[in-house]
Amino acid sequence: MATLEEIITQIDQISKCICEIDLDDSAFSKLKDKIAWLSARTSVYHSLKGLAKHLRKSSPLPHRNGRFSKFLEVLYRSQAKSISAHVLQWEKIRGLSPEALLLIAGAYTSLDITKMGRVEFECLMNYTKPYLDARPLPEKWIFRREIQMAIAASSDLENISEFRKCAAPNPISEKQTDEVRVLQARVQH
């Protein structure tokens, strides 16, 4: 694995070489696309790592319950209320695994998603699962209190059943189911 210093050195070498080579418009376009992807991927990994760092700690996640709740609200509210320009983005996020979806919900706000450029959004969709595979989070992290409270608070959303169907293949233990019911009861009162 390369060190940060090695990566920075390689980027610096590329920067120096750009003015030394003769590129046509097509080559410049390809180079700019590669650099944009690298920048977007770095941004995505930075955001995911920030949340992952908190998930690995046993302390409460700062401001995450509200973030998860709002994200799920925007993601699963009635399609008629969805922002038409971003419907495709939300559909893609709904198609992710529960773990990937919740990681994104904790790392980004719904506004972050709607403001995100095409390249960064594609990176987010393409690299969240590989990030989870390469940097596994603690087992049962999706059952943290903050996350379960957000899910319970979202139980009345019209399309939340899509999330439940998506999460169904991972059976929840009886104890965890009881914990979710208790959380739902607390939220409703």
C-alpha atoms as a PDB file:
ATOM      1  CA  MET A   1       0.000   0.000   0.000  1.00  0.00           C
ATOM      2  CA  ALA A   2       1.271   3.448  -0.918  1.00  0.00           C
ATOM      3  CA  THR A   3       1.884   6.033   1.771  1.00  0.00           C
ATOM      4  CA  LEU A   4       0.403   9.517   1.683  1.00  0.00           C
ATOM      5  CA  GLU A   5       3.816  10.967   0.856  1.00  0.00           C
ATOM      6  CA  GLU A   6       4.206   8.587  -2.116  1.00  0.00           C
ATOM      7  CA  ILE A   7       0.779   9.505  -3.448  1.00  0.00           C
ATOM      8  CA  ILE A   8       1.465  13.234  -3.118  1.00  0.00           C
ATOM      9  CA  THR A   9       4.835  12.797  -4.843  1.00  0.00           C
ATOM     10  CA  GLN A  10       3.150  10.992  -7.753  1.00  0.00           C
ATOM     11  CA  ILE A  11       0.515  13.727  -8.058  1.00  0.00           C
ATOM     12  CA  ASP A  12       3.248  16.391  -7.993  1.00  0.00           C
ATOM     13  CA  GLN A  13       5.118  14.541 -10.772  1.00  0.00           C
ATOM     14  CA  ILE A  14       1.971  14.449 -12.891  1.00  0.00           C
ATOM     15  CA  SER A  15       1.478  18.183 -12.310  1.00  0.00           C
ATOM     16  CA  LYS A  16       5.013  18.901 -13.551  1.00  0.00           C
ATOM     17  CA  CYS A  17       4.624  16.651 -16.597  1.00  0.00           C
ATOM     18  CA  ILE A  18       1.430  18.288 -17.866  1.00  0.00           C
ATOM     19  CA  CYS A  19       3.232  21.338 -19.254  1.00  0.00           C
ATOM     20  CA  GLU A  20       6.002  19.192 -20.754  1.00  0.00           C
ATOM     21  CA  ILE A  21       3.806  17.065 -23.011  1.00  0.00           C
ATOM     22  CA  ASP A  22       1.840  18.032 -26.096  1.00  0.00           C
ATOM     23  CA  LEU A  23      -1.765  16.931 -25.689  1.00  0.00           C
ATOM     24  CA  ASP A  24      -4.660  17.337 -28.086  1.00  0.00           C
ATOM     25  CA  ASP A  25      -8.157  18.324 -26.935  1.00  0.00           C
ATOM     26  CA  SER A  26      -9.248  14.703 -26.585  1.00  0.00           C
ATOM     27  CA  ALA A  27      -6.258  13.860 -24.379  1.00  0.00           C
ATOM     28  CA  PHE A  28      -6.840  16.941 -22.213  1.00  0.00           C
ATOM     29  CA  SER A  29     -10.479  15.975 -21.851  1.00  0.00           C
ATOM     30  CA  LYS A  30      -9.524  12.456 -20.787  1.00  0.00           C
ATOM     31  CA  LEU A  31      -6.956  13.819 -18.325  1.00  0.00           C
ATOM     32  CA  LYS A  32      -9.484  16.251 -16.813  1.00  0.00           C
ATOM     33  CA  ASP A  33     -12.027  13.431 -16.442  1.00  0.00           C
ATOM     34  CA  LYS A  34      -9.493  11.254 -14.604  1.00  0.00           C
ATOM     35  CA  ILE A  35      -8.542  14.120 -12.293  1.00  0.00           C
ATOM     36  CA  ALA A  36     -12.222  14.899 -11.629  1.00  0.00           C
ATOM     37  CA  TRP A  37     -12.835  11.240 -10.718  1.00  0.00           C
ATOM     38  CA  LEU A  38      -9.829  11.222  -8.403  1.00  0.00           C
ATOM     39  CA  SER A  39     -11.014  14.416  -6.714  1.00  0.00           C
ATOM     40  CA  ALA A  40     -14.571  13.088  -6.349  1.00  0.00           C
ATOM     41  CA  ARG A  41     -13.404   9.727  -5.039  1.00  0.00           C
ATOM     42  CA  THR A  42     -11.167  11.446  -2.493  1.00  0.00           C
ATOM     43  CA  SER A  43     -14.083  13.611  -1.355  1.00  0.00           C
ATOM     44  CA  VAL A  44     -16.399  10.595  -1.043  1.00  0.00           C
ATOM     45  CA  TYR A  45     -13.869   8.557   0.923  1.00  0.00           C
ATOM     46  CA  HIS A  46     -13.210  11.524   3.209  1.00  0.00           C
ATOM     47  CA  SER A  47     -16.935  11.870   3.987  1.00  0.00           C
ATOM     48  CA  LEU A  48     -17.438   8.138   4.522  1.00  0.00           C
ATOM     49  CA  LYS A  49     -14.338   7.906   6.701  1.00  0.00           C
ATOM     50  CA  GLY A  50     -15.579  10.726   8.924  1.00  0.00           C
ATOM     51  CA  LEU A  51     -18.747   8.813   9.781  1.00  0.00           C
ATOM     52  CA  ALA A  52     -16.957   5.445   9.943  1.00  0.00           C
ATOM     53  CA  LYS A  53     -14.579   6.893  12.532  1.00  0.00           C
ATOM     54  CA  HIS A  54     -17.549   7.817  14.746  1.00  0.00           C
ATOM     55  CA  LEU A  55     -19.224   4.448  14.196  1.00  0.00           C
ATOM     56  CA  ARG A  56     -16.126   2.657  15.467  1.00  0.00           C
ATOM     57  CA  LYS A  57     -16.358   4.564  18.749  1.00  0.00           C
ATOM     58  CA  SER A  58     -18.830   3.665  21.453  1.00  0.00           C
ATOM     59  CA  SER A  59     -19.796   7.296  22.051  1.00  0.00           C
ATOM     60  CA  PRO A  60     -23.034   8.743  20.597  1.00  0.00           C
ATOM     61  CA  LEU A  61     -22.892  10.041  17.055  1.00  0.00           C
ATOM     62  CA  PRO A  62     -22.994  13.851  17.060  1.00  0.00           C
ATOM     63  CA  HIS A  63     -26.095  15.292  15.331  1.00  0.00           C
ATOM     64  CA  ARG A  64     -26.667  12.007  13.513  1.00  0.00           C
ATOM     65  CA  ASN A  65     -30.174  11.094  14.699  1.00  0.00           C
ATOM     66  CA  GLY A  66     -31.590  14.210  13.047  1.00  0.00           C
ATOM     67  CA  ARG A  67     -29.437  13.690   9.979  1.00  0.00           C
ATOM     68  CA  PHE A  68     -30.536  10.064   9.549  1.00  0.00           C
ATOM     69  CA  SER A  69     -34.204  10.979  10.114  1.00  0.00           C
ATOM     70  CA  LYS A  70     -34.196  13.854   7.633  1.00  0.00           C
ATOM     71  CA  PHE A  71     -32.339  11.785   5.040  1.00  0.00           C
ATOM     72  CA  LEU A  72     -34.824   8.904   5.359  1.00  0.00           C
ATOM     73  CA  GLU A  73     -37.707  11.379   5.191  1.00  0.00           C
ATOM     74  CA  VAL A  74     -36.466  12.825   1.904  1.00  0.00           C
ATOM     75  CA  LEU A  75     -35.548   9.395   0.564  1.00  0.00           C
ATOM     76  CA  TYR A  76     -38.839   7.657   1.331  1.00  0.00           C
ATOM     77  CA  ARG A  77     -41.455  10.391   1.276  1.00  0.00           C
ATOM     78  CA  SER A  78     -44.220  10.259  -1.306  1.00  0.00           C
ATOM     79  CA  GLN A  79     -42.912  10.306  -4.872  1.00  0.00           C
ATOM     80  CA  ALA A  80     -45.322  13.167  -5.618  1.00  0.00           C
ATOM     81  CA  LYS A  81     -43.392  15.321  -3.136  1.00  0.00           C
ATOM     82  CA  SER A  82     -39.963  14.354  -4.444  1.00  0.00           C
ATOM     83  CA  ILE A  83     -37.862  16.943  -6.188  1.00  0.00           C
ATOM     84  CA  SER A  84     -38.197  15.867  -9.820  1.00  0.00           C
ATOM     85  CA  ALA A  85     -34.676  16.893 -10.788  1.00  0.00           C
ATOM     86  CA  HIS A  86     -33.226  14.481  -8.235  1.00  0.00           C
ATOM     87  CA  VAL A  87     -35.647  11.539  -8.438  1.00  0.00           C
ATOM     88  CA  LEU A  88     -33.095   9.396 -10.275  1.00  0.00           C
ATOM     89  CA  GLN A  89     -30.464  10.045  -7.599  1.00  0.00           C
ATOM     90  CA  TRP A  90     -32.871   9.042  -4.821  1.00  0.00           C
ATOM     91  CA  GLU A  91     -33.918   5.923  -6.742  1.00  0.00           C
ATOM     92  CA  LYS A  92     -30.278   4.865  -7.029  1.00  0.00           C
ATOM     93  CA  ILE A  93     -29.725   5.384  -3.308  1.00  0.00           C
ATOM     94  CA  ARG A  94     -32.877   3.385  -2.492  1.00  0.00           C
ATOM     95  CA  GLY A  95     -31.413   0.530  -4.541  1.00  0.00           C
ATOM     96  CA  LEU A  96     -28.349   0.211  -2.290  1.00  0.00           C
ATOM     97  CA  SER A  97     -27.893  -2.310   0.502  1.00  0.00           C
ATOM     98  CA  PRO A  98     -29.160  -1.157   3.916  1.00  0.00           C
ATOM     99  CA  GLU A  99     -25.587  -0.781   5.162  1.00  0.00           C
ATOM    100  CA  ALA A 100     -24.500   1.367   2.203  1.00  0.00           C
ATOM    101  CA  LEU A 101     -27.685   3.442   2.360  1.00  0.00           C
ATOM    102  CA  LEU A 102     -27.315   4.109   6.098  1.00  0.00           C
ATOM    103  CA  LEU A 103     -23.623   4.919   5.741  1.00  0.00           C
ATOM    104  CA  ILE A 104     -24.496   7.519   3.099  1.00  0.00           C
ATOM    105  CA  ALA A 105     -27.400   8.820   5.230  1.00  0.00           C
ATOM    106  CA  GLY A 106     -25.013   9.422   8.110  1.00  0.00           C
ATOM    107  CA  ALA A 107     -22.207  10.887   6.024  1.00  0.00           C
ATOM    108  CA  TYR A 108     -24.303  13.249   3.881  1.00  0.00           C
ATOM    109  CA  THR A 109     -27.374  15.415   4.290  1.00  0.00           C
ATOM    110  CA  SER A 110     -30.161  15.289   1.730  1.00  0.00           C
ATOM    111  CA  LEU A 111     -29.042  18.765   0.637  1.00  0.00           C
ATOM    112  CA  ASP A 112     -25.493  17.447   0.093  1.00  0.00           C
ATOM    113  CA  ILE A 113     -26.922  14.816  -2.258  1.00  0.00           C
ATOM    114  CA  THR A 114     -28.994  17.305  -4.260  1.00  0.00           C
ATOM    115  CA  LYS A 115     -26.037  19.695  -4.608  1.00  0.00           C
ATOM    116  CA  MET A 116     -23.612  16.922  -5.534  1.00  0.00           C
ATOM    117  CA  GLY A 117     -22.179  16.962  -9.033  1.00  0.00           C
ATOM    118  CA  ARG A 118     -22.661  14.032 -11.387  1.00  0.00           C
ATOM    119  CA  VAL A 119     -19.108  12.710 -11.015  1.00  0.00           C
ATOM    120  CA  GLU A 120     -19.137  12.828  -7.213  1.00  0.00           C
ATOM    121  CA  PHE A 121     -22.569  11.175  -7.085  1.00  0.00           C
ATOM    122  CA  GLU A 122     -21.408   8.389  -9.415  1.00  0.00           C
ATOM    123  CA  CYS A 123     -18.337   7.899  -7.219  1.00  0.00           C
ATOM    124  CA  LEU A 124     -20.572   7.709  -4.164  1.00  0.00           C
ATOM    125  CA  MET A 125     -22.732   5.054  -5.814  1.00  0.00           C
ATOM    126  CA  ASN A 126     -19.753   3.086  -7.153  1.00  0.00           C
ATOM    127  CA  TYR A 127     -17.449   3.205  -4.136  1.00  0.00           C
ATOM    128  CA  THR A 128     -19.592   3.024  -0.997  1.00  0.00           C
ATOM    129  CA  LYS A 129     -19.845  -0.783  -1.130  1.00  0.00           C
ATOM    130  CA  PRO A 130     -16.111  -1.255  -1.851  1.00  0.00           C
ATOM    131  CA  TYR A 131     -15.387   1.142   1.020  1.00  0.00           C
ATOM    132  CA  LEU A 132     -17.493  -1.000   3.367  1.00  0.00           C
ATOM    133  CA  ASP A 133     -15.740  -4.138   2.098  1.00  0.00           C
ATOM    134  CA  ALA A 134     -12.253  -2.659   2.519  1.00  0.00           C
ATOM    135  CA  ARG A 135     -12.915  -0.972   5.857  1.00  0.00           C
ATOM    136  CA  PRO A 136     -15.489  -3.081   7.691  1.00  0.00           C
ATOM    137  CA  LEU A 137     -17.482  -1.369  10.393  1.00  0.00           C
ATOM    138  CA  PRO A 138     -18.295  -2.958  13.754  1.00  0.00           C
ATOM    139  CA  GLU A 139     -20.773  -5.804  13.554  1.00  0.00           C
ATOM    140  CA  LYS A 140     -24.361  -4.645  14.095  1.00  0.00           C
ATOM    141  CA  TRP A 141     -23.466  -0.969  13.674  1.00  0.00           C
ATOM    142  CA  ILE A 142     -26.794  -0.391  11.947  1.00  0.00           C
ATOM    143  CA  PHE A 143     -28.473  -1.291  15.240  1.00  0.00           C
ATOM    144  CA  ARG A 144     -26.944   1.663  17.081  1.00  0.00           C
ATOM    145  CA  ARG A 145     -29.513   3.595  19.045  1.00  0.00           C
ATOM    146  CA  GLU A 146     -29.280   6.752  16.912  1.00  0.00           C
ATOM    147  CA  ILE A 147     -29.820   4.853  13.687  1.00  0.00           C
ATOM    148  CA  GLN A 148     -32.673   2.729  15.001  1.00  0.00           C
ATOM    149  CA  MET A 149     -34.404   5.801  16.431  1.00  0.00           C
ATOM    150  CA  ALA A 150     -34.229   7.463  13.014  1.00  0.00           C
ATOM    151  CA  ILE A 151     -35.673   4.362  11.352  1.00  0.00           C
ATOM    152  CA  ALA A 152     -38.418   4.156  13.982  1.00  0.00           C
ATOM    153  CA  ALA A 153     -39.215   7.852  13.544  1.00  0.00           C
ATOM    154  CA  SER A 154     -39.561   7.239   9.798  1.00  0.00           C
ATOM    155  CA  SER A 155     -42.010   4.355  10.186  1.00  0.00           C
ATOM    156  CA  ASP A 156     -44.980   6.444   9.027  1.00  0.00           C
ATOM    157  CA  LEU A 157     -43.400   7.453   5.706  1.00  0.00           C
ATOM    158  CA  GLU A 158     -45.376   6.237   2.721  1.00  0.00           C
ATOM    159  CA  ASN A 159     -42.497   4.414   0.993  1.00  0.00           C
ATOM    160  CA  ILE A 160     -40.422   3.257   4.004  1.00  0.00           C
ATOM    161  CA  SER A 161     -41.528  -0.317   3.277  1.00  0.00           C
ATOM    162  CA  GLU A 162     -38.954  -0.272   0.445  1.00  0.00           C
ATOM    163  CA  PHE A 163     -36.209   0.019   3.054  1.00  0.00           C
ATOM    164  CA  ARG A 164     -37.711  -2.731   5.186  1.00  0.00           C
ATOM    165  CA  LYS A 165     -37.879  -5.066   2.172  1.00  0.00           C
ATOM    166  CA  CYS A 166     -34.281  -4.219   1.349  1.00  0.00           C
ATOM    167  CA  ALA A 167     -33.209  -4.948   4.920  1.00  0.00           C
ATOM    168  CA  ALA A 168     -35.292  -8.138   5.227  1.00  0.00           C
ATOM    169  CA  PRO A 169     -32.638 -10.673   4.079  1.00  0.00           C
ATOM    170  CA  ASN A 170     -30.593  -9.859   7.195  1.00  0.00           C
ATOM    171  CA  PRO A 171     -32.691 -11.412   9.969  1.00  0.00           C
ATOM    172  CA  ILE A 172     -32.952  -9.344  13.107  1.00  0.00           C
ATOM    173  CA  SER A 173     -32.725 -11.188  16.377  1.00  0.00           C
ATOM    174  CA  GLU A 174     -35.737 -11.262  18.664  1.00  0.00           C
ATOM    175  CA  LYS A 175     -33.905  -9.039  21.166  1.00  0.00           C
ATOM    176  CA  GLN A 176     -33.107  -6.475  18.463  1.00  0.00           C
ATOM    177  CA  THR A 177     -36.715  -6.537  17.234  1.00  0.00           C
ATOM    178  CA  ASP A 178     -37.899  -5.839  20.789  1.00  0.00           C
ATOM    179  CA  GLU A 179     -35.403  -2.964  21.037  1.00  0.00           C
ATOM    180  CA  VAL A 180     -36.769  -1.457  17.812  1.00  0.00           C
ATOM    181  CA  ARG A 181     -40.352  -1.770  19.104  1.00  0.00           C
ATOM    182  CA  VAL A 182     -39.388   0.009  22.324  1.00  0.00           C
ATOM    183  CA  LEU A 183     -37.706   2.775  20.315  1.00  0.00           C
ATOM    184  CA  GLN A 184     -40.756   3.106  18.057  1.00  0.00           C
ATOM    185  CA  ALA A 185     -43.023   3.370  21.097  1.00  0.00           C
ATOM    186  CA  ARG A 186     -40.797   6.104  22.561  1.00  0.00           C
ATOM    187  CA  VAL A 187     -40.838   8.062  19.300  1.00  0.00           C
ATOM    188  CA  GLN A 188     -44.627   7.835  18.968  1.00  0.00           C
ATOM    189  CA  HIS A 189     -45.213   9.188  22.497  1.00  0.00           C
END
